[in-house]
Amino acid sequence: LIINGKKLTYAYQQSNTDSFDKIEDL
């Protein structure tokens, strides 16, 4: 996401079979 011109930061959390989870700093 880019909100008001600023891209949010993301941190890797874990991998799943067909996806992966991240921490989104909203």
PDB file of all heavy atoms in Angstrom:
ATOM      1  N   LEU A   1       0.823  -1.214   0.000  1.00  0.00           N
ATOM      2  CA  LEU A   1       0.000   0.000   0.000  1.00  0.00           C
ATOM      3  C   LEU A   1       0.855   1.262   0.000  1.00  0.00           C
ATOM      4  O   LEU A   1       1.919   1.315   0.634  1.00  0.00           O
ATOM      5  CB  LEU A   1      -0.911   0.004   1.229  1.00  0.00           C
ATOM      6  CG  LEU A   1      -2.122  -0.929   1.177  1.00  0.00           C
ATOM      7  CD1 LEU A   1      -2.689  -1.150   2.579  1.00  0.00           C
ATOM      8  CD2 LEU A   1      -3.204  -0.384   0.238  1.00  0.00           C
ATOM      9  N   ILE A   2       0.336   2.271  -0.693  1.00  0.00           N
ATOM     10  CA  ILE A   2       0.902   3.613  -0.666  1.00  0.00           C
ATOM     11  C   ILE A   2      -0.221   4.535  -0.222  1.00  0.00           C
ATOM     12  O   ILE A   2      -1.225   4.696  -0.920  1.00  0.00           O
ATOM     13  CB  ILE A   2       1.428   4.036  -2.050  1.00  0.00           C
ATOM     14  CG1 ILE A   2       2.474   3.026  -2.552  1.00  0.00           C
ATOM     15  CG2 ILE A   2       2.011   5.434  -1.990  1.00  0.00           C
ATOM     16  CD1 ILE A   2       2.820   3.192  -4.011  1.00  0.00           C
ATOM     17  N   ILE A   3      -0.075   5.127   0.964  1.00  0.00           N
ATOM     18  CA  ILE A   3      -1.120   5.986   1.511  1.00  0.00           C
ATOM     19  C   ILE A   3      -0.582   7.403   1.657  1.00  0.00           C
ATOM     20  O   ILE A   3       0.455   7.622   2.298  1.00  0.00           O
ATOM     21  CB  ILE A   3      -1.625   5.456   2.871  1.00  0.00           C
ATOM     22  CG1 ILE A   3      -2.215   4.049   2.700  1.00  0.00           C
ATOM     23  CG2 ILE A   3      -2.678   6.395   3.464  1.00  0.00           C
ATOM     24  CD1 ILE A   3      -2.729   3.430   3.981  1.00  0.00           C
ATOM     25  N   ASN A   4      -1.263   8.349   1.013  1.00  0.00           N
ATOM     26  CA  ASN A   4      -0.854   9.763   1.017  1.00  0.00           C
ATOM     27  C   ASN A   4       0.597   9.914   0.571  1.00  0.00           C
ATOM     28  O   ASN A   4       1.379  10.689   1.145  1.00  0.00           O
ATOM     29  CB  ASN A   4      -1.077  10.374   2.405  1.00  0.00           C
ATOM     30  CG  ASN A   4      -2.538  10.350   2.813  1.00  0.00           C
ATOM     31  OD1 ASN A   4      -3.434  10.511   1.980  1.00  0.00           O
ATOM     32  ND2 ASN A   4      -2.811  10.136   4.090  1.00  0.00           N
ATOM     33  N   GLY A   5       0.937   9.147  -0.459  1.00  0.00           N
ATOM     34  CA  GLY A   5       2.266   9.253  -1.060  1.00  0.00           C
ATOM     35  C   GLY A   5       3.373   8.491  -0.351  1.00  0.00           C
ATOM     36  O   GLY A   5       4.510   8.477  -0.819  1.00  0.00           O
ATOM     37  N   LYS A   6       3.059   7.822   0.754  1.00  0.00           N
ATOM     38  CA  LYS A   6       4.076   7.105   1.521  1.00  0.00           C
ATOM     39  C   LYS A   6       3.808   5.607   1.475  1.00  0.00           C
ATOM     40  O   LYS A   6       2.725   5.143   1.834  1.00  0.00           O
ATOM     41  CB  LYS A   6       4.074   7.584   2.980  1.00  0.00           C
ATOM     42  CG  LYS A   6       5.124   6.920   3.841  1.00  0.00           C
ATOM     43  CD  LYS A   6       5.052   7.433   5.274  1.00  0.00           C
ATOM     44  CE  LYS A   6       6.058   6.726   6.164  1.00  0.00           C
ATOM     45  NZ  LYS A   6       5.966   7.201   7.577  1.00  0.00           N
ATOM     46  N   LYS A   7       4.837   4.846   1.033  1.00  0.00           N
ATOM     47  CA  LYS A   7       4.697   3.387   0.990  1.00  0.00           C
ATOM     48  C   LYS A   7       4.817   2.826   2.396  1.00  0.00           C
ATOM     49  O   LYS A   7       5.716   3.201   3.155  1.00  0.00           O
ATOM     50  CB  LYS A   7       5.764   2.775   0.079  1.00  0.00           C
ATOM     51  CG  LYS A   7       5.647   1.251  -0.049  1.00  0.00           C
ATOM     52  CD  LYS A   7       6.600   0.677  -1.096  1.00  0.00           C
ATOM     53  CE  LYS A   7       6.064   0.925  -2.490  1.00  0.00           C
ATOM     54  NZ  LYS A   7       6.825   0.164  -3.515  1.00  0.00           N
ATOM     55  N   LEU A   8       3.902   1.924   2.740  1.00  0.00           N
ATOM     56  CA  LEU A   8       3.935   1.302   4.058  1.00  0.00           C
ATOM     57  C   LEU A   8       5.117   0.339   4.162  1.00  0.00           C
ATOM     58  O   LEU A   8       5.652  -0.126   3.152  1.00  0.00           O
ATOM     59  CB  LEU A   8       2.628   0.546   4.331  1.00  0.00           C
ATOM     60  CG  LEU A   8       1.313   1.318   4.217  1.00  0.00           C
ATOM     61  CD1 LEU A   8       0.168   0.474   4.776  1.00  0.00           C
ATOM     62  CD2 LEU A   8       1.386   2.658   4.927  1.00  0.00           C
ATOM     63  N   THR A   9       5.511   0.034   5.391  1.00  0.00           N
ATOM     64  CA  THR A   9       6.594  -0.913   5.616  1.00  0.00           C
ATOM     65  C   THR A   9       6.019  -2.297   5.919  1.00  0.00           C
ATOM     66  O   THR A   9       4.956  -2.425   6.542  1.00  0.00           O
ATOM     67  CB  THR A   9       7.499  -0.472   6.785  1.00  0.00           C
ATOM     68  OG1 THR A   9       6.718  -0.350   7.983  1.00  0.00           O
ATOM     69  CG2 THR A   9       8.146   0.870   6.474  1.00  0.00           C
ATOM     70  N   TYR A  10       6.736  -3.319   5.486  1.00  0.00           N
ATOM     71  CA  TYR A  10       6.303  -4.702   5.638  1.00  0.00           C
ATOM     72  C   TYR A  10       7.453  -5.541   6.166  1.00  0.00           C
ATOM     73  O   TYR A  10       8.608  -5.327   5.818  1.00  0.00           O
ATOM     74  CB  TYR A  10       5.825  -5.275   4.298  1.00  0.00           C
ATOM     75  CG  TYR A  10       4.580  -4.593   3.769  1.00  0.00           C
ATOM     76  CD1 TYR A  10       4.657  -3.406   3.050  1.00  0.00           C
ATOM     77  CD2 TYR A  10       3.324  -5.133   4.012  1.00  0.00           C
ATOM     78  CE1 TYR A  10       3.527  -2.776   2.576  1.00  0.00           C
ATOM     79  CE2 TYR A  10       2.178  -4.508   3.538  1.00  0.00           C
ATOM     80  CZ  TYR A  10       2.278  -3.331   2.823  1.00  0.00           C
ATOM     81  OH  TYR A  10       1.149  -2.712   2.368  1.00  0.00           O
ATOM     82  N   ALA A  11       7.115  -6.508   7.027  1.00  0.00           N
ATOM     83  CA  ALA A  11       8.114  -7.428   7.568  1.00  0.00           C
ATOM     84  C   ALA A  11       7.634  -8.858   7.346  1.00  0.00           C
ATOM     85  O   ALA A  11       6.473  -9.181   7.621  1.00  0.00           O
ATOM     86  CB  ALA A  11       8.336  -7.164   9.059  1.00  0.00           C
ATOM     87  N   TYR A  12       8.527  -9.716   6.846  1.00  0.00           N
ATOM     88  CA  TYR A  12       8.188 -11.112   6.601  1.00  0.00           C
ATOM     89  C   TYR A  12       7.830 -11.802   7.907  1.00  0.00           C
ATOM     90  O   TYR A  12       8.481 -11.604   8.931  1.00  0.00           O
ATOM     91  CB  TYR A  12       9.375 -11.819   5.937  1.00  0.00           C
ATOM     92  CG  TYR A  12       9.181 -13.311   5.763  1.00  0.00           C
ATOM     93  CD1 TYR A  12       8.473 -13.817   4.672  1.00  0.00           C
ATOM     94  CD2 TYR A  12       9.703 -14.206   6.695  1.00  0.00           C
ATOM     95  CE1 TYR A  12       8.286 -15.181   4.513  1.00  0.00           C
ATOM     96  CE2 TYR A  12       9.524 -15.573   6.541  1.00  0.00           C
ATOM     97  CZ  TYR A  12       8.819 -16.058   5.455  1.00  0.00           C
ATOM     98  OH  TYR A  12       8.645 -17.409   5.306  1.00  0.00           O
ATOM     99  N   GLN A  13       6.781 -12.632   7.881  1.00  0.00           N
ATOM    100  CA  GLN A  13       6.345 -13.352   9.075  1.00  0.00           C
ATOM    101  C   GLN A  13       6.517 -14.859   8.919  1.00  0.00           C
ATOM    102  O   GLN A  13       7.221 -15.497   9.696  1.00  0.00           O
ATOM    103  CB  GLN A  13       4.891 -13.007   9.397  1.00  0.00           C
ATOM    104  CG  GLN A  13       4.411 -13.480  10.762  1.00  0.00           C
ATOM    105  CD  GLN A  13       3.014 -12.965  11.082  1.00  0.00           C
ATOM    106  OE1 GLN A  13       2.226 -12.622  10.206  1.00  0.00           O
ATOM    107  NE2 GLN A  13       2.699 -12.897  12.370  1.00  0.00           N
ATOM    108  N   GLN A  14       5.857 -15.443   7.900  1.00  0.00           N
ATOM    109  CA  GLN A  14       5.991 -16.885   7.685  1.00  0.00           C
ATOM    110  C   GLN A  14       5.505 -17.244   6.291  1.00  0.00           C
ATOM    111  O   GLN A  14       4.771 -16.495   5.656  1.00  0.00           O
ATOM    112  CB  GLN A  14       5.195 -17.678   8.724  1.00  0.00           C
ATOM    113  CG  GLN A  14       3.686 -17.542   8.588  1.00  0.00           C
ATOM    114  CD  GLN A  14       2.931 -18.415   9.578  1.00  0.00           C
ATOM    115  OE1 GLN A  14       3.397 -18.683  10.670  1.00  0.00           O
ATOM    116  NE2 GLN A  14       1.742 -18.850   9.200  1.00  0.00           N
ATOM    117  N   SER A  15       5.928 -18.450   5.823  1.00  0.00           N
ATOM    118  CA  SER A  15       5.506 -18.946   4.520  1.00  0.00           C
ATOM    119  C   SER A  15       4.482 -20.056   4.708  1.00  0.00           C
ATOM    120  O   SER A  15       4.576 -20.858   5.645  1.00  0.00           O
ATOM    121  CB  SER A  15       6.714 -19.469   3.733  1.00  0.00           C
ATOM    122  OG  SER A  15       6.315 -19.896   2.449  1.00  0.00           O
ATOM    123  N   ASN A  16       3.494 -20.087   3.812  1.00  0.00           N
ATOM    124  CA  ASN A  16       2.478 -21.131   3.807  1.00  0.00           C
ATOM    125  C   ASN A  16       2.584 -21.906   2.491  1.00  0.00           C
ATOM    126  O   ASN A  16       3.478 -21.640   1.687  1.00  0.00           O
ATOM    127  CB  ASN A  16       1.093 -20.506   3.962  1.00  0.00           C
ATOM    128  CG  ASN A  16       1.032 -19.513   5.114  1.00  0.00           C
ATOM    129  OD1 ASN A  16       1.308 -19.861   6.256  1.00  0.00           O
ATOM    130  ND2 ASN A  16       0.694 -18.262   4.817  1.00  0.00           N
ATOM    131  N   THR A  17       1.675 -22.830   2.250  1.00  0.00           N
ATOM    132  CA  THR A  17       1.759 -23.667   1.049  1.00  0.00           C
ATOM    133  C   THR A  17       1.722 -22.844  -0.230  1.00  0.00           C
ATOM    134  O   THR A  17       2.574 -23.012  -1.116  1.00  0.00           O
ATOM    135  CB  THR A  17       0.591 -24.683   1.033  1.00  0.00           C
ATOM    136  OG1 THR A  17       0.637 -25.462   2.233  1.00  0.00           O
ATOM    137  CG2 THR A  17       0.700 -25.599  -0.177  1.00  0.00           C
ATOM    138  N   ASP A  18       0.747 -21.941  -0.349  1.00  0.00           N
ATOM    139  CA  ASP A  18       0.612 -21.150  -1.566  1.00  0.00           C
ATOM    140  C   ASP A  18       0.610 -19.651  -1.297  1.00  0.00           C
ATOM    141  O   ASP A  18       0.214 -18.849  -2.144  1.00  0.00           O
ATOM    142  CB  ASP A  18      -0.658 -21.541  -2.316  1.00  0.00           C
ATOM    143  CG  ASP A  18      -1.912 -21.413  -1.457  1.00  0.00           C
ATOM    144  OD1 ASP A  18      -1.776 -21.025  -0.281  1.00  0.00           O
ATOM    145  OD2 ASP A  18      -3.019 -21.692  -1.959  1.00  0.00           O
ATOM    146  N   SER A  19       1.036 -19.265  -0.115  1.00  0.00           N
ATOM    147  CA  SER A  19       1.043 -17.846   0.264  1.00  0.00           C
ATOM    148  C   SER A  19       2.083 -17.611   1.347  1.00  0.00           C
ATOM    149  O   SER A  19       2.720 -18.553   1.826  1.00  0.00           O
ATOM    150  CB  SER A  19      -0.338 -17.420   0.773  1.00  0.00           C
ATOM    151  OG  SER A  19      -0.665 -18.133   1.958  1.00  0.00           O
ATOM    152  N   PHE A  20       2.252 -16.345   1.710  1.00  0.00           N
ATOM    153  CA  PHE A  20       3.089 -16.034   2.864  1.00  0.00           C
ATOM    154  C   PHE A  20       2.480 -14.873   3.631  1.00  0.00           C
ATOM    155  O   PHE A  20       1.721 -14.066   3.081  1.00  0.00           O
ATOM    156  CB  PHE A  20       4.544 -15.764   2.474  1.00  0.00           C
ATOM    157  CG  PHE A  20       4.747 -14.655   1.481  1.00  0.00           C
ATOM    158  CD1 PHE A  20       4.975 -13.356   1.885  1.00  0.00           C
ATOM    159  CD2 PHE A  20       4.721 -14.928   0.110  1.00  0.00           C
ATOM    160  CE1 PHE A  20       5.175 -12.337   0.972  1.00  0.00           C
ATOM    161  CE2 PHE A  20       4.910 -13.918  -0.821  1.00  0.00           C
ATOM    162  CZ  PHE A  20       5.138 -12.618  -0.384  1.00  0.00           C
ATOM    163  N   ASP A  21       2.774 -14.831   4.920  1.00  0.00           N
ATOM    164  CA  ASP A  21       2.235 -13.803   5.803  1.00  0.00           C
ATOM    165  C   ASP A  21       3.285 -12.740   6.077  1.00  0.00           C
ATOM    166  O   ASP A  21       4.476 -13.042   6.246  1.00  0.00           O
ATOM    167  CB  ASP A  21       1.778 -14.418   7.132  1.00  0.00           C
ATOM    168  CG  ASP A  21       0.643 -15.412   6.956  1.00  0.00           C
ATOM    169  OD1 ASP A  21       0.043 -15.429   5.867  1.00  0.00           O
ATOM    170  OD2 ASP A  21       0.363 -16.158   7.913  1.00  0.00           O
ATOM    171  N   LYS A  22       2.809 -11.495   6.128  1.00  0.00           N
ATOM    172  CA  LYS A  22       3.688 -10.360   6.438  1.00  0.00           C
ATOM    173  C   LYS A  22       3.021  -9.492   7.502  1.00  0.00           C
ATOM    174  O   LYS A  22       1.806  -9.525   7.674  1.00  0.00           O
ATOM    175  CB  LYS A  22       3.935  -9.517   5.183  1.00  0.00           C
ATOM    176  CG  LYS A  22       4.595 -10.250   4.041  1.00  0.00           C
ATOM    177  CD  LYS A  22       5.067  -9.296   2.945  1.00  0.00           C
ATOM    178  CE  LYS A  22       3.930  -8.670   2.193  1.00  0.00           C
ATOM    179  NZ  LYS A  22       4.402  -7.837   1.051  1.00  0.00           N
ATOM    180  N   ILE A  23       3.839  -8.733   8.199  1.00  0.00           N
ATOM    181  CA  ILE A  23       3.322  -7.722   9.129  1.00  0.00           C
ATOM    182  C   ILE A  23       3.268  -6.399   8.381  1.00  0.00           C
ATOM    183  O   ILE A  23       4.282  -5.917   7.871  1.00  0.00           O
ATOM    184  CB  ILE A  23       4.215  -7.585  10.382  1.00  0.00           C
ATOM    185  CG1 ILE A  23       4.299  -8.911  11.141  1.00  0.00           C
ATOM    186  CG2 ILE A  23       3.665  -6.477  11.294  1.00  0.00           C
ATOM    187  CD1 ILE A  23       3.013  -9.362  11.758  1.00  0.00           C
ATOM    188  N   GLU A  24       2.094  -5.837   8.312  1.00  0.00           N
ATOM    189  CA  GLU A  24       1.890  -4.553   7.650  1.00  0.00           C
ATOM    190  C   GLU A  24       1.789  -3.457   8.707  1.00  0.00           C
ATOM    191  O   GLU A  24       1.014  -3.579   9.664  1.00  0.00           O
ATOM    192  CB  GLU A  24       0.612  -4.602   6.816  1.00  0.00           C
ATOM    193  CG  GLU A  24       0.265  -3.323   6.089  1.00  0.00           C
ATOM    194  CD  GLU A  24      -0.990  -3.489   5.254  1.00  0.00           C
ATOM    195  OE1 GLU A  24      -2.104  -3.402   5.824  1.00  0.00           O
ATOM    196  OE2 GLU A  24      -0.865  -3.745   4.044  1.00  0.00           O
ATOM    197  N   ASP A  25       2.561  -2.409   8.557  1.00  0.00           N
ATOM    198  CA  ASP A  25       2.500  -1.268   9.470  1.00  0.00           C
ATOM    199  C   ASP A  25       1.603  -0.208   8.839  1.00  0.00           C
ATOM    200  O   ASP A  25       2.044   0.603   8.025  1.00  0.00           O
ATOM    201  CB  ASP A  25       3.905  -0.707   9.728  1.00  0.00           C
ATOM    202  CG  ASP A  25       3.916   0.356  10.822  1.00  0.00           C
ATOM    203  OD1 ASP A  25       2.836   0.849  11.196  1.00  0.00           O
ATOM    204  OD2 ASP A  25       5.009   0.697  11.304  1.00  0.00           O
ATOM    205  N   LEU A  26       0.344  -0.245   9.223  1.00  0.00           N
ATOM    206  CA  LEU A  26      -0.675   0.637   8.644  1.00  0.00           C
ATOM    207  C   LEU A  26      -0.735   1.927   9.463  1.00  0.00           C
ATOM    208  O   LEU A  26      -1.585   2.096  10.345  1.00  0.00           O
ATOM    209  CB  LEU A  26      -2.026  -0.087   8.620  1.00  0.00           C
ATOM    210  CG  LEU A  26      -3.205   0.558   7.892  1.00  0.00           C
ATOM    211  CD1 LEU A  26      -2.853   0.854   6.442  1.00  0.00           C
ATOM    212  CD2 LEU A  26      -4.420  -0.344   7.970  1.00  0.00           C
TER     213      LEU A  26
END
